[in-house]
Amino acid sequence: GARSGSQGPHEGSEGGDRDGREDRGFKQMKPGAIGMKILVPNSLVGAIIGKGGEEMKKLKEESGCFIRLSQNDKYFPNTNERPCYIEGAPEDIVKAIQTIQDKLANDNPRRGPSIDETRKKQCKIIVGANAAGKCIGKGGENVKRLKSEFSVWIKVMGRDDSIPGLEERTITVSGDSDNTIKAIKDILEMSVQLNNGGTDKNLDY
């Protein structure tokens, strides 16, 4: 019917009431905080949520971030991966990302295909289009600096690949896990300074 597009308040959130309360507290983002997303291979979702949502609860508590994963069949456009929204200060966001990436690197899915080795070494984040531009920098200066400073491989989604009407772009960082996290922290710190450097909370594309 006509209502099928609208979601009930508790649909798709782990523990709807808690999320609702958290949400209100996060309406006004703290100074120095940013919202961004990380792409999560579908077969990794179980490991991130955990039994009865335990792992997700731990992830939120240990990072101090607001975190929400997209619903079951909601993927980021042109991918078969699910976006996960993370909001907090860059140093806290990378704590959450580190945990997610560790789970990815040690992925041993109980069901579904295992994640390929190349993907295990990659971290795919989604930032605002302005932040993607800043990550590249004038004449590519920032991306060159990041690559040499952190010994990582970085691919920023080009304008041509960007999704029409969506002010978000993916940045893929690949390399040694510690270096990857440091590079991402650097990117997020650049993004915080920008208008619309981050993304909104939308996970339904």
Protein backbone atom coordinates (compact mmCIF):
# COMPACT_ATOMS: atom_id res chain seq x y z
CA GLY A 1 0.00 0.00 0.00
CA ALA A 2 0.98 3.66 0.15
CA ARG A 3 2.65 3.20 3.50
CA SER A 4 5.14 0.58 2.42
CA GLY A 5 7.84 3.21 1.92
CA SER A 6 7.69 4.58 5.44
CA GLN A 7 9.51 2.77 8.17
CA GLY A 8 8.19 2.18 11.63
CA PRO A 9 10.19 3.72 14.47
CA HIS A 10 11.70 0.44 15.60
CA GLU A 11 12.29 -1.17 12.27
CA GLY A 12 15.84 -2.13 11.52
CA SER A 13 17.49 -0.59 14.55
CA GLU A 14 19.10 -2.81 17.13
CA GLY A 15 17.09 -1.91 20.21
CA GLY A 16 14.85 0.78 18.78
CA ASP A 17 14.17 2.67 22.00
CA ARG A 18 17.78 3.09 22.92
CA ASP A 19 18.62 4.33 19.44
CA GLY A 20 15.79 6.83 19.57
CA ARG A 21 17.08 8.31 22.77
CA GLU A 22 20.64 8.44 21.51
CA ASP A 23 19.44 10.07 18.32
CA ARG A 24 18.04 13.07 20.15
CA GLY A 25 21.29 13.59 21.98
CA PHE A 26 23.11 13.58 18.66
CA LYS A 27 20.91 16.11 16.86
CA GLN A 28 23.45 18.78 17.67
CA MET A 29 26.80 17.40 16.71
CA LYS A 30 29.54 18.06 19.23
CA PRO A 31 32.21 20.54 18.14
CA GLY A 32 34.97 18.66 16.36
CA ALA A 33 32.67 15.74 15.54
CA ILE A 34 31.77 14.51 12.08
CA GLY A 35 29.46 11.95 10.56
CA MET A 36 30.80 9.51 7.99
CA LYS A 37 30.18 5.99 6.75
CA ILE A 38 32.19 2.86 6.26
CA LEU A 39 31.30 0.11 3.80
CA VAL A 40 30.87 -3.33 5.30
CA PRO A 41 30.82 -6.55 3.24
CA ASN A 42 27.51 -8.28 3.82
CA SER A 43 29.03 -11.47 5.22
CA LEU A 44 30.78 -9.44 7.93
CA VAL A 45 27.60 -7.91 9.32
CA GLY A 46 26.92 -10.80 11.71
CA ALA A 47 30.35 -10.40 13.30
CA ILE A 48 29.82 -6.67 13.76
CA ILE A 49 26.37 -6.94 15.32
CA GLY A 50 27.16 -10.05 17.37
CA LYS A 51 24.81 -12.31 19.25
CA GLY A 52 21.83 -10.29 20.43
CA GLY A 53 23.60 -7.10 19.34
CA GLU A 54 26.43 -7.57 21.88
CA GLU A 55 29.29 -6.68 19.55
CA MET A 56 27.53 -3.56 18.28
CA LYS A 57 26.86 -2.44 21.84
CA LYS A 58 30.54 -2.96 22.69
CA LEU A 59 31.61 -1.11 19.54
CA LYS A 60 29.50 1.91 20.52
CA GLU A 61 30.66 1.89 24.13
CA GLU A 62 34.37 1.43 23.43
CA SER A 63 34.52 4.05 20.68
CA GLY A 64 32.09 6.52 22.24
CA CYS A 65 30.55 6.97 18.78
CA PHE A 66 26.99 6.89 17.54
CA ILE A 67 26.88 3.94 15.11
CA ARG A 68 24.13 2.60 12.90
CA LEU A 69 24.27 -0.11 10.25
CA SER A 70 21.98 -0.14 7.23
CA GLN A 71 19.10 -2.60 7.11
CA ASN A 72 19.39 -6.06 5.63
CA ASP A 73 18.95 -5.36 1.96
CA LYS A 74 20.14 -1.76 1.88
CA TYR A 75 23.41 -1.46 0.02
CA PHE A 76 25.47 1.53 -1.01
CA PRO A 77 24.76 2.27 -4.71
CA ASN A 78 26.78 0.17 -7.20
CA THR A 79 28.15 -2.06 -4.45
CA ASN A 80 27.06 -5.18 -2.62
CA GLU A 81 28.22 -3.71 0.68
CA ARG A 82 26.27 -2.15 3.49
CA PRO A 83 26.92 1.37 4.70
CA CYS A 84 27.49 1.87 8.40
CA TYR A 85 27.09 5.41 9.77
CA ILE A 86 29.57 6.50 12.44
CA GLU A 87 29.47 9.86 14.21
CA GLY A 88 32.05 11.24 16.60
CA ALA A 89 35.43 12.93 16.79
CA PRO A 90 38.01 11.59 14.28
CA GLU A 91 40.08 9.91 17.01
CA ASP A 92 36.97 8.07 18.24
CA ILE A 93 35.68 7.17 14.78
CA VAL A 94 38.99 5.48 13.97
CA LYS A 95 38.65 3.33 17.11
CA ALA A 96 35.40 1.98 15.71
CA ILE A 97 36.91 1.60 12.23
CA GLN A 98 39.90 -0.24 13.68
CA THR A 99 37.59 -2.79 15.32
CA ILE A 100 35.58 -3.25 12.12
CA GLN A 101 38.74 -3.62 10.03
CA ASP A 102 40.19 -6.15 12.50
CA LYS A 103 37.04 -8.21 12.14
CA LEU A 104 37.37 -7.90 8.38
CA ALA A 105 41.01 -9.00 8.36
CA ASN A 106 40.22 -12.03 10.51
CA ASP A 107 36.98 -12.74 8.72
CA ASN A 108 35.82 -16.30 8.98
CA PRO A 109 32.19 -16.20 7.93
CA ARG A 110 29.90 -18.87 9.23
CA ARG A 111 27.76 -18.40 6.17
CA GLY A 112 28.13 -16.69 2.86
CA PRO A 113 31.26 -16.51 0.73
CA SER A 114 34.48 -15.54 2.42
CA ILE A 115 35.79 -12.07 1.69
CA ASP A 116 38.65 -11.94 -0.77
CA GLU A 117 42.15 -11.15 0.46
CA THR A 118 42.44 -7.86 -1.42
CA ARG A 119 39.25 -6.55 0.18
CA LYS A 120 40.47 -7.57 3.64
CA LYS A 121 43.33 -5.09 3.31
CA GLN A 122 41.07 -2.28 2.18
CA CYS A 123 39.09 0.19 4.20
CA LYS A 124 36.30 1.89 2.28
CA ILE A 125 34.91 5.05 3.79
CA ILE A 126 32.23 7.43 2.56
CA VAL A 127 32.64 11.16 3.08
CA GLY A 128 31.02 14.31 1.75
CA ALA A 129 31.97 15.30 -1.80
CA ASN A 130 33.87 18.33 -0.41
CA ALA A 131 35.99 16.08 1.76
CA ALA A 132 36.74 13.80 -1.19
CA GLY A 133 37.99 16.83 -3.11
CA LYS A 134 40.07 17.93 -0.13
CA CYS A 135 41.54 14.44 0.20
CA ILE A 136 42.85 14.76 -3.36
CA GLY A 137 43.95 18.38 -2.91
CA LYS A 138 45.18 20.88 -5.49
CA GLY A 139 46.86 18.96 -8.28
CA GLY A 140 46.64 15.84 -6.14
CA GLU A 141 48.96 17.22 -3.46
CA ASN A 142 47.04 15.82 -0.46
CA VAL A 143 46.63 12.34 -1.85
CA LYS A 144 50.36 12.31 -2.70
CA ARG A 145 51.20 13.40 0.83
CA LEU A 146 48.94 10.74 2.39
CA LYS A 147 50.41 8.02 0.19
CA SER A 148 54.01 8.90 1.02
CA GLU A 149 53.47 9.76 4.68
CA PHE A 150 51.51 6.61 5.53
CA SER A 151 52.72 4.21 2.81
CA VAL A 152 49.16 3.45 1.73
CA TRP A 153 47.32 3.13 -1.56
CA ILE A 154 44.37 5.51 -1.89
CA LYS A 155 41.61 5.65 -4.46
CA VAL A 156 39.09 8.48 -4.29
CA MET A 157 35.87 7.99 -6.24
CA GLY A 158 36.10 10.28 -9.26
CA ARG A 159 33.43 12.79 -10.20
CA ASP A 160 32.50 10.61 -13.16
CA ASP A 161 31.76 7.65 -10.91
CA SER A 162 29.85 9.63 -8.34
CA ILE A 163 26.20 8.83 -7.93
CA PRO A 164 23.93 11.51 -9.45
CA GLY A 165 22.25 13.63 -6.78
CA LEU A 166 24.38 12.17 -3.99
CA GLU A 167 26.90 14.46 -2.33
CA GLU A 168 28.97 11.53 -1.08
CA ARG A 169 32.01 9.75 -2.40
CA THR A 170 33.95 6.69 -1.41
CA ILE A 171 37.61 6.72 -0.48
CA THR A 172 39.38 3.37 -0.48
CA VAL A 173 42.54 3.12 1.61
CA SER A 174 44.68 0.03 1.46
CA GLY A 175 47.88 -1.04 3.20
CA ASP A 176 49.21 -2.06 6.57
CA SER A 177 46.29 -1.80 9.00
CA ASP A 178 47.92 0.70 11.38
CA ASN A 179 48.93 2.95 8.50
CA THR A 180 45.48 2.70 6.96
CA ILE A 181 43.88 3.86 10.21
CA LYS A 182 46.35 6.76 10.53
CA ALA A 183 45.63 7.87 6.96
CA ILE A 184 41.88 7.73 7.59
CA LYS A 185 42.24 9.78 10.78
CA ASP A 186 44.15 12.36 8.75
CA ILE A 187 41.40 12.41 6.09
CA LEU A 188 38.69 12.81 8.76
CA GLU A 189 40.63 15.61 10.45
CA MET A 190 40.76 17.44 7.11
CA SER A 191 37.04 16.75 6.62
CA VAL A 192 35.98 18.17 10.00
CA GLN A 193 37.28 21.59 8.92
CA LEU A 194 35.00 21.71 5.88
CA ASN A 195 31.39 22.66 5.38
CA ASN A 196 29.58 19.42 4.60
CA GLY A 197 32.78 17.42 4.88
CA GLY A 198 30.81 14.62 6.46
CA THR A 199 27.69 12.74 5.47
CA ASP A 200 24.15 12.62 6.79
CA LYS A 201 22.72 9.65 8.66
CA ASN A 202 20.81 8.28 5.68
CA LEU A 203 21.47 4.58 5.02
CA ASP A 204 18.57 3.98 2.66
CA TYR A 205 19.76 4.64 -0.89
